[in-house]
Protein backbone atom coordinates (compact mmCIF):
# COMPACT_ATOMS: atom_id res chain seq x y z
CA UNK A 1 -0.08 -12.21 22.40
CA UNK A 2 -3.58 -11.84 21.73
CA UNK A 3 -5.08 -9.07 19.80
CA UNK A 4 -8.64 -8.00 20.38
CA UNK A 5 -10.56 -5.35 18.65
CA UNK A 6 -11.64 -2.09 20.53
CA UNK A 7 -13.76 0.92 20.15
CA UNK A 8 -10.82 2.94 19.25
CA UNK A 9 -9.86 -0.21 16.40
CA UNK A 10 -13.12 0.73 15.20
CA UNK A 11 -13.01 4.57 15.34
CA UNK A 12 -9.68 4.24 13.29
CA UNK A 13 -11.37 2.35 10.50
CA UNK A 14 -13.98 4.68 10.32
CA UNK A 15 -11.75 7.58 9.84
CA UNK A 16 -10.33 6.16 6.62
CA UNK A 17 -14.00 7.28 4.96
CA UNK A 18 -13.16 10.85 5.90
CA UNK A 19 -14.08 13.45 4.51
CA UNK A 20 -16.64 11.44 3.10
CA UNK A 21 -18.42 10.48 6.20
CA UNK A 22 -21.83 11.86 5.83
CA UNK A 23 -22.54 10.88 2.42
CA UNK A 24 -21.19 6.92 3.23
CA UNK A 25 -23.46 6.80 5.96
CA UNK A 26 -26.47 7.87 4.27
CA UNK A 27 -25.82 5.50 1.67
CA UNK A 28 -25.07 2.89 3.97
CA UNK A 29 -28.36 3.51 6.38
CA UNK A 30 -29.98 4.22 3.56
CA UNK A 31 -29.31 1.51 1.40
CA UNK A 32 -29.36 -1.04 4.85
CA UNK A 33 -33.07 0.40 5.85
CA UNK A 34 -34.72 0.10 1.94
CA UNK A 35 -33.25 -3.52 1.59
CA UNK A 36 -34.78 -4.81 4.90
CA UNK A 37 -37.92 -3.09 4.47
CA UNK A 38 -38.23 -5.11 1.43
CA UNK A 39 -38.32 -8.38 3.11
CA UNK A 40 -40.42 -7.05 5.80
CA UNK A 41 -42.90 -5.57 3.31
CA UNK A 42 -43.01 -9.23 2.08
CA UNK A 43 -44.05 -10.76 5.34
CA UNK A 44 -47.53 -8.15 5.18
CA UNK A 45 -47.83 -8.86 1.60
CA UNK A 46 -47.64 -12.85 2.51
CA UNK A 47 -50.57 -11.97 5.16
CA UNK A 48 -52.70 -9.97 2.96
CA UNK A 49 -52.79 -12.89 0.07
CA UNK A 50 -53.12 -15.55 2.52
CA UNK A 51 -55.89 -13.78 4.48
CA UNK A 52 -57.33 -13.03 0.84
CA UNK A 53 -57.42 -16.62 0.07
CA UNK A 54 -58.63 -18.19 3.74
CA UNK A 55 -61.47 -15.17 4.34
CA UNK A 56 -62.21 -15.49 0.50
CA UNK A 57 -62.00 -11.27 0.53
CA UNK A 58 -60.56 -9.50 -2.47
CA UNK A 59 -59.99 -6.67 -0.43
CA UNK A 60 -56.45 -8.01 0.95
CA UNK A 61 -55.81 -9.38 -2.03
CA UNK A 62 -56.14 -5.49 -3.54
CA UNK A 63 -53.85 -4.37 -0.28
CA UNK A 64 -51.60 -7.05 -1.58
CA UNK A 65 -51.07 -5.44 -5.04
CA UNK A 66 -50.74 -2.17 -4.02
CA UNK A 67 -48.07 -2.61 -1.68
CA UNK A 68 -46.28 -4.79 -3.73
CA UNK A 69 -46.43 -1.95 -6.01
CA UNK A 70 -45.43 0.72 -4.21
CA UNK A 71 -42.11 -1.34 -2.83
CA UNK A 72 -41.01 -2.29 -5.99
CA UNK A 73 -40.92 1.13 -7.49
CA UNK A 74 -40.29 3.27 -3.83
CA UNK A 75 -37.27 0.80 -3.40
CA UNK A 76 -36.13 0.14 -7.07
CA UNK A 77 -35.12 4.13 -7.23
CA UNK A 78 -33.79 4.24 -3.97
CA UNK A 79 -31.34 1.13 -3.96
CA UNK A 80 -29.86 2.71 -6.97
CA UNK A 81 -29.04 5.94 -5.38
CA UNK A 82 -28.28 4.90 -1.75
CA UNK A 83 -26.04 1.98 -3.21
CA UNK A 84 -24.13 4.42 -5.82
CA UNK A 85 -24.08 7.17 -3.01
CA UNK A 86 -22.26 4.25 -0.54
CA UNK A 87 -20.15 2.73 -3.15
CA UNK A 88 -18.67 5.99 -4.28
CA UNK A 89 -17.67 7.37 -1.53
CA UNK A 90 -16.07 3.89 -0.41
CA UNK A 91 -13.92 3.71 -3.80
CA UNK A 92 -12.85 7.68 -3.50
CA UNK A 93 -11.64 7.01 0.02
CA UNK A 94 -9.45 3.76 -1.02
CA UNK A 95 -8.12 5.99 -4.07
CA UNK A 96 -7.35 8.36 -1.72
CA UNK A 97 -5.69 5.83 1.03
CA UNK A 98 -3.87 4.33 -1.92
CA UNK A 99 -2.36 7.86 -2.58
CA UNK A 100 -1.52 8.79 0.75
CA UNK A 101 0.05 5.43 1.98
CA UNK A 102 2.38 5.58 -1.88
CA UNK A 103 3.08 9.41 -1.10
CA UNK A 104 3.90 8.71 2.36
CA UNK A 105 5.96 6.03 1.44
CA UNK A 106 8.01 8.21 -1.12
CA UNK A 107 8.95 10.01 2.22
CA UNK A 108 10.15 7.14 4.28
CA UNK A 109 13.61 7.34 5.16
CA UNK A 110 16.37 5.16 3.14
CA UNK A 111 16.41 2.99 6.58
CA UNK A 112 13.10 2.38 6.79
CA UNK A 113 13.71 0.29 3.20
CA UNK A 114 16.74 -1.65 4.06
CA UNK A 115 14.70 -2.98 7.38
CA UNK A 116 11.49 -3.59 5.37
CA UNK A 117 11.39 -6.03 2.26
CA UNK A 118 9.60 -4.82 -0.71
CA UNK A 119 7.35 -7.01 -0.90
CA UNK A 120 5.64 -6.06 2.56
CA UNK A 121 4.98 -2.75 1.47
CA UNK A 122 3.40 -4.14 -1.72
CA UNK A 123 1.56 -6.43 0.37
CA UNK A 124 0.06 -3.16 2.46
CA UNK A 125 -1.16 -1.16 -1.38
CA UNK A 126 -2.62 -4.25 -2.41
CA UNK A 127 -3.28 -6.77 0.22
CA UNK A 128 -4.48 -4.40 2.85
CA UNK A 129 -5.78 -2.08 0.93
CA UNK A 130 -8.00 -4.39 -0.51
CA UNK A 131 -9.21 -5.57 2.92
CA UNK A 132 -10.11 -1.97 4.12
CA UNK A 133 -12.12 -1.51 1.22
CA UNK A 134 -14.02 -4.78 1.27
CA UNK A 135 -15.26 -3.44 4.64
CA UNK A 136 -16.62 -0.13 3.68
CA UNK A 137 -18.09 -1.95 0.46
CA UNK A 138 -19.38 -5.50 2.11
CA UNK A 139 -19.05 -5.89 5.68
CA UNK A 140 -20.32 -2.60 6.90
CA UNK A 141 -23.38 -2.63 4.91
CA UNK A 142 -24.31 -6.04 6.13
CA UNK A 143 -23.91 -5.16 9.32
CA UNK A 144 -26.45 -1.98 8.99
CA UNK A 145 -28.53 -3.99 7.03
CA UNK A 146 -28.79 -6.88 9.62
CA UNK A 147 -29.63 -4.29 12.62
CA UNK A 148 -32.23 -2.87 10.32
CA UNK A 149 -33.61 -6.18 9.18
CA UNK A 150 -33.51 -7.57 12.82
CA UNK A 151 -35.54 -4.13 14.41
CA UNK A 152 -37.99 -4.17 11.50
CA UNK A 153 -38.96 -7.79 12.12
CA UNK A 154 -38.71 -7.63 15.72
CA UNK A 155 -41.03 -4.48 15.94
CA UNK A 156 -43.22 -6.00 13.33
CA UNK A 157 -43.89 -9.36 15.40
CA UNK A 158 -44.84 -7.12 18.44
CA UNK A 159 -47.61 -5.51 16.32
CA UNK A 160 -48.61 -8.71 15.36
CA UNK A 161 -48.00 -10.90 18.17
CA UNK A 162 -46.03 -10.02 21.21
CA UNK A 163 -45.48 -13.41 22.52
CA UNK A 164 -43.38 -14.28 19.21
CA UNK A 165 -41.31 -11.41 19.85
CA UNK A 166 -40.31 -12.37 23.11
CA UNK A 167 -39.57 -15.85 22.66
CA UNK A 168 -37.58 -15.26 19.49
CA UNK A 169 -35.82 -12.39 21.17
CA UNK A 170 -34.83 -14.70 23.62
CA UNK A 171 -33.68 -17.38 21.25
CA UNK A 172 -31.91 -14.86 19.51
CA UNK A 173 -29.91 -14.17 22.66
CA UNK A 174 -28.73 -17.72 22.92
CA UNK A 175 -27.94 -17.52 19.37
CA UNK A 176 -25.63 -14.71 19.61
CA UNK A 177 -23.87 -15.66 22.36
CA UNK A 178 -23.05 -18.83 20.46
CA UNK A 179 -21.64 -16.81 18.02
CA UNK A 180 -19.33 -14.82 20.34
CA UNK A 181 -17.93 -18.33 21.93
CA UNK A 182 -17.43 -20.11 18.41
CA UNK A 183 -15.94 -16.43 16.94
CA UNK A 184 -12.97 -16.40 19.28
CA UNK A 185 -9.64 -15.71 18.35
CA UNK A 186 -10.84 -14.17 14.69
CA UNK A 187 -8.44 -11.40 14.73
CA UNK A 188 -5.37 -12.97 15.76
CA UNK A 189 -5.87 -15.70 12.85
CA UNK A 190 -6.85 -13.09 10.32
CA UNK A 191 -3.45 -11.25 11.33
CA UNK A 192 -1.63 -14.26 10.78
CA UNK A 193 -3.17 -14.35 7.60
CA UNK A 194 -2.28 -10.97 6.31
CA UNK A 195 1.10 -11.45 7.48
CA UNK A 196 1.53 -14.66 5.72
CA UNK A 197 -0.10 -13.11 2.40
CA UNK A 198 2.94 -10.47 2.84
CA UNK A 199 5.44 -12.85 2.98
CA UNK A 200 4.12 -14.43 -0.29
CA UNK A 201 4.69 -11.69 -1.88
CA UNK A 202 8.02 -10.92 -0.69
CA UNK A 203 8.84 -14.48 -1.88
CA UNK A 204 7.19 -13.85 -5.39
CA UNK A 205 9.30 -10.83 -5.82
CA UNK A 206 12.22 -12.60 -5.09
CA UNK A 207 11.84 -14.74 -7.30
CA UNK A 208 11.31 -12.42 -10.56
CA UNK A 209 13.82 -10.07 -9.23
CA UNK A 210 16.48 -12.98 -9.12
CA UNK A 211 14.93 -15.38 -11.89
CA UNK A 212 18.55 -15.64 -13.92
CA UNK A 213 20.06 -16.37 -10.19
CA UNK A 214 17.44 -19.04 -9.71
CA UNK A 215 17.58 -20.64 -13.15
CA UNK A 216 21.43 -20.37 -13.28
CA UNK A 217 22.05 -21.57 -9.79
CA UNK A 218 20.85 -25.17 -8.15
CA UNK A 219 18.38 -23.06 -5.84
CA UNK A 220 15.47 -24.16 -8.10
CA UNK A 221 14.19 -26.46 -5.80
CA UNK A 222 14.58 -24.27 -2.86
CA UNK A 223 13.00 -21.79 -3.89
CA UNK A 224 9.68 -23.64 -4.61
CA UNK A 225 9.75 -25.31 -1.22
CA UNK A 226 10.14 -21.87 0.53
CA UNK A 227 7.42 -20.63 -1.48
CA UNK A 228 5.49 -24.07 -1.05
CA UNK A 229 5.76 -23.95 2.58
CA UNK A 230 4.90 -20.21 2.54
CA UNK A 231 1.54 -21.12 0.57
CA UNK A 232 0.96 -24.29 3.01
CA UNK A 233 1.25 -21.74 6.29
CA UNK A 234 -0.97 -19.39 4.58
CA UNK A 235 -3.67 -22.24 3.83
CA UNK A 236 -3.37 -23.54 6.83
CA UNK A 237 -4.86 -19.56 8.29
CA UNK A 238 -7.16 -19.60 5.69
CA UNK A 239 -8.35 -22.93 6.98
CA UNK A 240 -8.11 -21.64 10.25
CA UNK A 241 -10.40 -19.15 9.33
CA UNK A 242 -12.92 -21.26 7.37
CA UNK A 243 -13.48 -23.89 10.09
CA UNK A 244 -14.17 -20.52 12.43
CA UNK A 245 -17.04 -19.34 10.00
CA UNK A 246 -18.39 -23.05 9.08
CA UNK A 247 -18.66 -23.83 12.76
CA UNK A 248 -20.63 -20.59 13.30
CA UNK A 249 -22.80 -21.14 9.83
CA UNK A 250 -23.60 -24.73 10.58
CA UNK A 251 -24.45 -24.08 14.54
CA UNK A 252 -27.07 -20.79 13.05
CA UNK A 253 -28.34 -22.98 10.52
CA UNK A 254 -29.47 -25.18 13.18
CA UNK A 255 -30.78 -22.59 15.63
CA UNK A 256 -32.42 -21.15 13.12
CA UNK A 257 -34.47 -24.37 11.24
CA UNK A 258 -35.24 -25.57 14.82
CA UNK A 259 -36.83 -22.03 15.47
CA UNK A 260 -38.58 -22.02 12.00
CA UNK A 261 -40.22 -25.42 13.14
CA UNK A 262 -41.15 -23.92 16.29
CA UNK A 263 -42.98 -21.63 14.84
CA UNK A 264 -44.82 -23.62 12.67
CA UNK A 265 -45.47 -25.80 15.46
CA UNK A 266 -47.14 -23.08 17.96
CA UNK A 267 -48.70 -21.00 14.96
CA UNK A 268 -50.35 -24.09 14.13
CA UNK A 269 -51.79 -24.90 17.55
CA UNK A 270 -52.78 -20.93 17.62
CA UNK A 271 -54.64 -21.31 14.23
CA UNK A 272 -56.58 -24.37 15.23
CA UNK A 273 -57.57 -22.59 18.22
CA UNK A 274 -58.63 -19.47 16.52
CA UNK A 275 -56.39 -17.37 18.56
CA UNK A 276 -54.56 -16.09 15.54
CA UNK A 277 -55.58 -15.98 11.62
CA UNK A 278 -53.03 -18.14 8.94
CA UNK A 279 -51.81 -14.59 7.71
CA UNK A 280 -50.43 -13.46 10.67
CA UNK A 281 -49.01 -16.65 11.32
CA UNK A 282 -47.18 -17.04 8.02
CA UNK A 283 -46.12 -13.06 8.37
CA UNK A 284 -44.49 -14.40 11.74
CA UNK A 285 -42.69 -17.18 9.87
CA UNK A 286 -41.08 -14.48 7.20
CA UNK A 287 -40.34 -12.40 9.92
CA UNK A 288 -38.38 -14.83 11.75
CA UNK A 289 -35.67 -14.68 8.73
CA UNK A 290 -35.05 -10.75 10.09
CA UNK A 291 -34.62 -12.20 13.95
CA UNK A 292 -32.57 -15.18 13.09
CA UNK A 293 -30.45 -12.89 10.76
CA UNK A 294 -29.67 -10.32 13.21
CA UNK A 295 -29.10 -12.41 15.90
CA UNK A 296 -26.94 -15.33 14.18
CA UNK A 297 -25.07 -13.54 11.50
CA UNK A 298 -24.33 -9.78 13.35
CA UNK A 299 -21.45 -11.76 15.06
CA UNK A 300 -20.29 -13.21 11.98
CA UNK A 301 -20.37 -9.83 10.12
CA UNK A 302 -19.02 -8.19 12.95
CA UNK A 303 -16.24 -10.84 13.31
CA UNK A 304 -15.68 -10.48 9.20
CA UNK A 305 -14.20 -6.84 10.14
CA UNK A 306 -11.51 -8.40 12.01
CA UNK A 307 -9.41 -8.80 8.97
CA UNK A 308 -10.23 -5.26 7.92
CA UNK A 309 -9.40 -3.77 11.48
CA UNK A 310 -6.00 -5.62 11.16
CA UNK A 311 -5.52 -4.55 7.63
CA UNK A 312 -6.25 -1.12 8.75
CA UNK A 313 -3.81 -1.68 12.11
CA UNK A 314 -0.96 -2.50 9.58
CA UNK A 315 -1.49 0.60 7.25
CA UNK A 316 -1.70 3.16 10.46
CA UNK A 317 1.60 1.51 11.34
CA UNK A 318 3.35 2.79 7.91
CA UNK A 319 1.70 5.76 7.93
CA UNK A 320 3.14 6.35 11.39
CA UNK A 321 6.48 6.11 10.22
CA UNK A 322 8.36 9.13 10.70
CA UNK A 323 9.52 10.75 7.52
CA UNK A 324 13.17 11.50 6.25
CA UNK A 325 14.07 15.04 8.32
CA UNK A 326 13.73 17.89 5.12
CA UNK A 327 15.79 19.99 6.96
CA UNK A 328 18.13 17.33 6.71
CA UNK A 329 22.21 17.45 8.23
CA UNK A 330 23.53 18.32 5.25
CA UNK A 331 23.47 22.30 4.97
CA UNK A 332 23.44 23.79 2.07
CA UNK A 333 25.35 27.53 1.63
CA UNK A 334 25.89 30.18 -1.20
CA UNK A 335 29.62 31.46 -0.44
CA UNK A 336 30.24 33.25 -3.75
CA UNK A 337 33.60 34.02 -2.68
CA UNK A 338 34.26 30.32 -1.41
CA UNK A 339 35.88 27.95 -3.80
CA UNK A 340 35.60 25.19 -1.18
CA UNK A 341 31.98 23.02 -2.43
CA UNK A 342 31.73 20.32 -0.08
CA UNK A 343 33.09 20.23 3.18
CA UNK A 344 32.88 17.27 5.51
CA UNK A 345 34.03 18.08 9.40
CA UNK A 346 34.71 15.28 11.91
CA UNK A 347 31.82 13.18 10.24
CA UNK A 348 30.96 9.91 12.35
CA UNK A 349 28.09 7.78 11.86
CA UNK A 350 26.40 4.49 13.07
CA UNK A 351 23.90 2.58 11.63
CA UNK A 352 20.94 2.35 13.89
CA UNK A 353 22.19 -1.57 14.84
CA UNK A 354 25.48 -0.14 16.50
CA UNK A 355 27.63 -0.99 13.40
CA UNK A 356 30.13 2.34 13.26
CA UNK A 357 30.90 3.25 9.80
CA UNK A 358 32.77 6.10 9.84
CA UNK A 359 35.11 7.64 12.46
CA UNK A 360 35.82 11.47 12.15
CA UNK A 361 36.30 11.65 8.92
CA UNK A 362 37.43 14.99 7.47
CA UNK A 363 37.17 16.14 3.13
CA UNK A 364 37.20 18.88 1.39
CA UNK A 365 36.30 18.97 -2.37
CA UNK A 366 36.90 22.08 -4.52
CA UNK A 367 34.70 23.70 -6.89
CA UNK A 368 35.45 21.83 -10.07
CA UNK A 369 37.54 19.38 -8.81
CA UNK A 370 37.38 15.61 -9.63
CA UNK A 371 37.71 13.75 -6.21
CA UNK A 372 38.18 9.61 -6.10
CA UNK A 373 37.16 7.99 -3.05
CA UNK A 374 39.16 4.64 -3.07
CA UNK A 375 39.26 1.99 -0.20
CA UNK A 376 38.01 -1.81 0.63
CA UNK A 377 34.75 -3.22 0.58
CA UNK A 378 32.90 -2.05 3.98
CA UNK A 379 34.84 1.08 4.46
CA UNK A 380 32.14 3.66 4.07
CA UNK A 381 32.83 5.15 0.90
CA UNK A 382 29.05 4.03 -0.07
CA UNK A 383 27.87 5.87 2.92
CA UNK A 384 29.31 9.24 2.45
CA UNK A 385 27.46 9.22 -0.94
CA UNK A 386 24.75 8.67 0.80
CA UNK A 387 25.25 11.38 3.93
CA UNK A 388 25.65 13.89 0.76
CA UNK A 389 22.31 12.55 -0.70
CA UNK A 390 20.54 13.55 2.52
CA UNK A 391 19.59 9.35 2.48
CA UNK A 392 21.23 8.89 6.01
CA UNK A 393 21.35 11.75 8.50
CA UNK A 394 24.70 12.24 10.28
CA UNK A 395 24.39 12.79 14.31
CA UNK A 396 27.96 13.86 14.70
CA UNK A 397 30.23 15.98 12.54
CA UNK A 398 29.07 18.76 10.26
CA UNK A 399 28.70 18.40 6.22
CA UNK A 400 28.79 22.06 3.94
CA UNK A 401 27.87 21.70 0.46
CA UNK A 402 28.87 25.51 -1.05
CA UNK A 403 27.23 26.94 -3.93
CA UNK A 404 27.72 29.96 -5.99
CA UNK A 405 26.16 30.22 -9.43
CA UNK A 406 22.99 28.02 -8.48
CA UNK A 407 21.32 30.17 -5.74
CA UNK A 408 18.62 31.70 -7.91
CA UNK A 409 15.06 29.58 -7.31
CA UNK A 410 16.31 27.37 -4.72
CA UNK A 411 16.75 29.25 -1.61
CA UNK A 412 12.81 28.61 -0.78
CA UNK A 413 13.53 24.87 -0.13
CA UNK A 414 14.38 22.86 2.96
CA UNK A 415 18.18 21.84 2.95
CA UNK A 416 17.46 18.23 1.78
CA UNK A 417 16.03 19.28 -1.61
CA UNK A 418 18.02 22.27 -2.46
CA UNK A 419 20.81 19.68 -1.80
CA UNK A 420 18.99 16.62 -4.51
CA UNK A 421 18.37 19.25 -6.88
CA UNK A 422 22.10 20.28 -7.35
CA UNK A 423 23.56 16.59 -6.95
CA UNK A 424 23.16 14.24 -9.64
CA UNK A 425 23.85 10.30 -9.02
CA UNK A 426 25.26 7.55 -11.27
CA UNK A 427 25.10 4.06 -8.83
CA UNK A 428 26.70 1.20 -9.94
CA UNK A 429 23.37 -0.22 -11.86
CA UNK A 430 21.74 2.29 -13.27
CA UNK A 431 17.70 2.05 -12.99
CA UNK A 432 15.02 2.79 -15.62
CA UNK A 433 11.28 2.78 -15.22
CA UNK A 434 8.87 0.71 -17.35
CA UNK A 435 8.58 3.41 -19.65
CA UNK A 436 9.95 5.03 -22.76
CA UNK A 437 13.16 5.90 -23.36
CA UNK A 438 12.33 9.42 -23.82
CA UNK A 439 10.12 9.43 -20.25
CA UNK A 440 13.16 8.14 -19.04
CA UNK A 441 15.91 11.02 -20.07
CA UNK A 442 12.81 13.23 -19.06
CA UNK A 443 13.23 12.34 -15.43
CA UNK A 444 16.12 14.41 -15.15
CA UNK A 445 14.46 17.80 -16.13
CA UNK A 446 10.67 17.47 -16.06
CA UNK A 447 9.02 19.80 -19.00
CA UNK A 448 12.26 19.43 -21.31
CA UNK A 449 11.46 19.26 -24.63
CA UNK A 450 11.81 16.69 -27.35
CA UNK A 451 15.03 19.05 -28.75
CA UNK A 452 16.31 19.26 -25.24
CA UNK A 453 16.06 15.47 -24.70
CA UNK A 454 17.87 14.08 -27.80
CA UNK A 455 20.58 16.56 -27.63
CA UNK A 456 21.19 14.91 -23.88
CA UNK A 457 21.32 11.57 -25.29
CA UNK A 458 23.46 12.60 -28.22
CA UNK A 459 26.03 13.99 -25.54
CA UNK A 460 25.88 10.95 -23.96
CA UNK A 461 26.70 8.83 -27.18
CA UNK A 462 23.21 7.11 -26.34
CA UNK A 463 21.37 8.42 -29.63
CA UNK A 464 23.01 6.36 -32.39
CA UNK A 465 21.78 3.27 -30.45
CA UNK A 466 18.46 4.71 -29.44
CA UNK A 467 17.40 5.55 -33.60
CA UNK A 468 18.39 1.76 -34.21
CA UNK A 469 15.59 0.94 -31.93
CA UNK A 470 12.04 0.00 -33.88
CA UNK A 471 10.43 2.63 -31.85
CA UNK A 472 13.46 5.04 -31.14
CA UNK A 473 12.57 7.09 -28.41
CA UNK A 474 9.27 5.69 -27.46
CA UNK A 475 10.60 2.17 -26.99
CA UNK A 476 9.40 0.62 -23.71
CA UNK A 477 12.46 -0.43 -21.76
CA UNK A 478 10.77 -2.70 -19.32
CA UNK A 479 11.10 -3.41 -15.72
CA UNK A 480 14.17 -2.06 -14.64
CA UNK A 481 15.34 -1.56 -18.29
CA UNK A 482 15.39 -5.49 -18.80
CA UNK A 483 15.23 -5.57 -23.03
CA UNK A 484 18.36 -2.70 -22.81
CA UNK A 485 21.94 -4.10 -22.33
CA UNK A 486 23.98 -2.92 -19.17
CA UNK A 487 25.70 -0.17 -21.16
CA UNK A 488 22.68 1.17 -22.67
CA UNK A 489 21.10 1.27 -19.47
CA UNK A 490 23.94 3.36 -18.13
CA UNK A 491 24.05 5.81 -21.09
CA UNK A 492 19.91 6.45 -20.89
CA UNK A 493 21.29 6.87 -16.97
CA UNK A 494 24.08 9.76 -17.32
CA UNK A 495 21.58 11.25 -20.24
CA UNK A 496 18.89 12.44 -17.96
CA UNK A 497 21.77 13.61 -15.26
CA UNK A 498 23.20 15.74 -18.45
CA UNK A 499 19.62 17.00 -19.02
CA UNK A 500 19.46 18.01 -15.03
CA UNK A 501 22.71 19.98 -15.46
CA UNK A 502 23.54 19.45 -11.51
CA UNK A 503 26.99 21.05 -10.43
CA UNK A 504 28.28 18.43 -8.68
CA UNK A 505 27.82 14.64 -10.21
CA UNK A 506 28.47 11.62 -7.81
CA UNK A 507 29.63 8.28 -9.27
CA UNK A 508 29.68 4.95 -7.25
CA UNK A 509 31.60 2.48 -9.98
CA UNK A 510 29.70 3.65 -12.16
CA UNK A 511 31.52 1.53 -14.80
CA UNK A 512 32.70 -1.55 -12.76
CA UNK A 513 30.27 -4.22 -14.06
CA UNK A 514 31.04 -3.49 -18.26
CA UNK A 515 32.70 -4.98 -20.71
CA UNK A 516 36.37 -2.92 -21.88
CA UNK A 517 34.59 -1.94 -24.92
CA UNK A 518 31.21 -0.71 -23.49
CA UNK A 519 33.04 0.78 -20.88
CA UNK A 520 35.08 3.23 -23.34
CA UNK A 521 31.81 4.27 -24.63
CA UNK A 522 30.26 5.22 -21.55
CA UNK A 523 33.34 6.39 -19.99
CA UNK A 524 33.16 9.28 -23.05
CA UNK A 525 29.97 10.12 -21.71
CA UNK A 526 30.80 10.52 -18.41
CA UNK A 527 33.60 12.81 -20.12
CA UNK A 528 30.70 14.82 -21.29
CA UNK A 529 28.82 14.97 -17.94
CA UNK A 530 31.77 15.76 -15.40
CA UNK A 531 32.89 18.67 -17.32
CA UNK A 532 33.21 21.75 -15.28
CA UNK A 533 31.39 20.29 -12.69
CA UNK A 534 32.38 18.78 -9.02
CA UNK A 535 32.47 15.23 -8.76
CA UNK A 536 33.23 12.41 -6.19
CA UNK A 537 33.45 8.93 -7.41
CA UNK A 538 33.96 5.88 -6.01
CA UNK A 539 35.92 3.40 -8.09
CA UNK A 540 38.50 0.43 -7.09
CA UNK A 541 40.34 1.05 -10.63
CA UNK A 542 43.62 2.70 -10.47
CA UNK A 543 43.65 3.56 -14.23
CA UNK A 544 40.50 5.99 -13.08
CA UNK A 545 43.00 8.09 -10.68
CA UNK A 546 44.57 9.97 -13.47
CA UNK A 547 41.91 12.25 -14.06
CA UNK A 548 41.53 12.91 -10.36
CA UNK A 549 42.48 16.17 -8.61
CA UNK A 550 42.47 14.33 -5.36
CA UNK A 551 42.13 10.81 -3.81
CA UNK A 552 40.67 10.00 -0.21
CA UNK A 553 41.29 6.03 0.83
CA UNK A 554 38.84 4.98 3.27
CA UNK A 555 39.84 1.77 5.61
CA UNK A 556 37.28 0.67 8.40
CA UNK A 557 35.27 4.12 8.66
CA UNK A 558 38.96 6.23 8.61
CA UNK A 559 40.25 8.40 6.17
CA UNK A 560 43.51 7.16 5.52
CA UNK A 561 45.18 9.29 3.27
CA UNK A 562 44.25 13.06 2.86
CA UNK A 563 44.01 15.28 0.11
CA UNK A 564 46.85 13.65 -2.16
CA UNK A 565 46.62 16.18 -5.25
CA UNK A 566 47.38 14.59 -8.30
CA UNK A 567 49.74 16.34 -10.75
């Protein structure tokens, strides 16, 4: 369906500049007005200079010199002030928008990231915001400048010779119509261009994330071909946009050049008939630039806003995405006399696409117990972990987390935040941020001392290998810990959880991807982590059952074995 820009779209774009609207408008209007006045002054200066030469009167030359100096000094000071104000407001607004979008993304529910490629999100934070920034630093200013330059030139023409003014307004109206005709579908083209740029970003991220897979399997040519196809599609969108703009520019040049020649012909006739001074004809020729610029370029500049409008629409869409409900579907209770820690009652869960995952699940994990969740892939084990961490809401059933000694300091928070404060989670593949080992561990408890970080690393059996590294705790781990082995990453993640000291530990195949020797070391670290804690662990390894107090087996979303206590 064809998209058109409405007044509502433009208002939505301008709202991005809030709360700096007034200084931005002052800077933009002031900059445009001063810039336009310079070109209008040039016409008047040329008139005085020509009249001085033709009439042999130095008084006109004096006028020209005084007007030139006044314009240079006044415009120089004002241009600096207005341009600085305009760009400062635009840059601050973009920084605020980036932070707003980034913060909003952090609050989006898990299902959003399951449905949208990370490249799409990154494209909105980079390409779309960059396009919006270009609107405020360039496009809007050029529209304001064109209006002031054109209207100022028309008014000056009426003062000098109204006949030229009327003629050029008529020609300008024709030029404007031609521009509107040629600029049709630009919004649609720019929408498609931004979409394809997002796809290119997605494919680039896929390549970087799966570079080993791409190298090891015969899919290199396939990836290159897919990227080439996307690049070609993006090029086609660029080409369509440039073809439109080139056609408009060419037509404008033809009209403008014809108008300029017409001005010289008519002006020469008037001068030879002594109807007009030669200086006036020269001034009108200069002012003609403003009229043709207004009517010939205003639609181009408005057309250039189509890409920022499309970008603003995409940004608006993500900001209107519903954030996760912080009240959550897991109730955190403080029951000092209740030995039940985690309770699931008649819990059922379906994904948005209708996929049925859990069916009337009932579970009970007591304080300090170790519970094993086992079962085939797709049976719903990881979904239970997601429910307990508040990543997905339930629509049927009840989930309770009862706390005792951790009531202090948490009661003022919403349920999901309470929940995540008392849970540590260790996935199969631990994630590390592209920063130092020290900082990655400190994320477990911000504000922890260096001694506390080192102690956590020692308890996680990570201290020795950290000290063997050249920069020790200040070693950069690379993107997602790429510079560390799988076992080292897991131990850093465990140290982070030890530092957090949450009473509930959730683990999802925490050692399944490790070799036996590394797994033995990680198991020692896990033993330190889970001591005295309530634990739910997903595992397929039978040897892990020995330490469990209770085992739950899931099959096709149904609990098959209920509370089998290991003696």
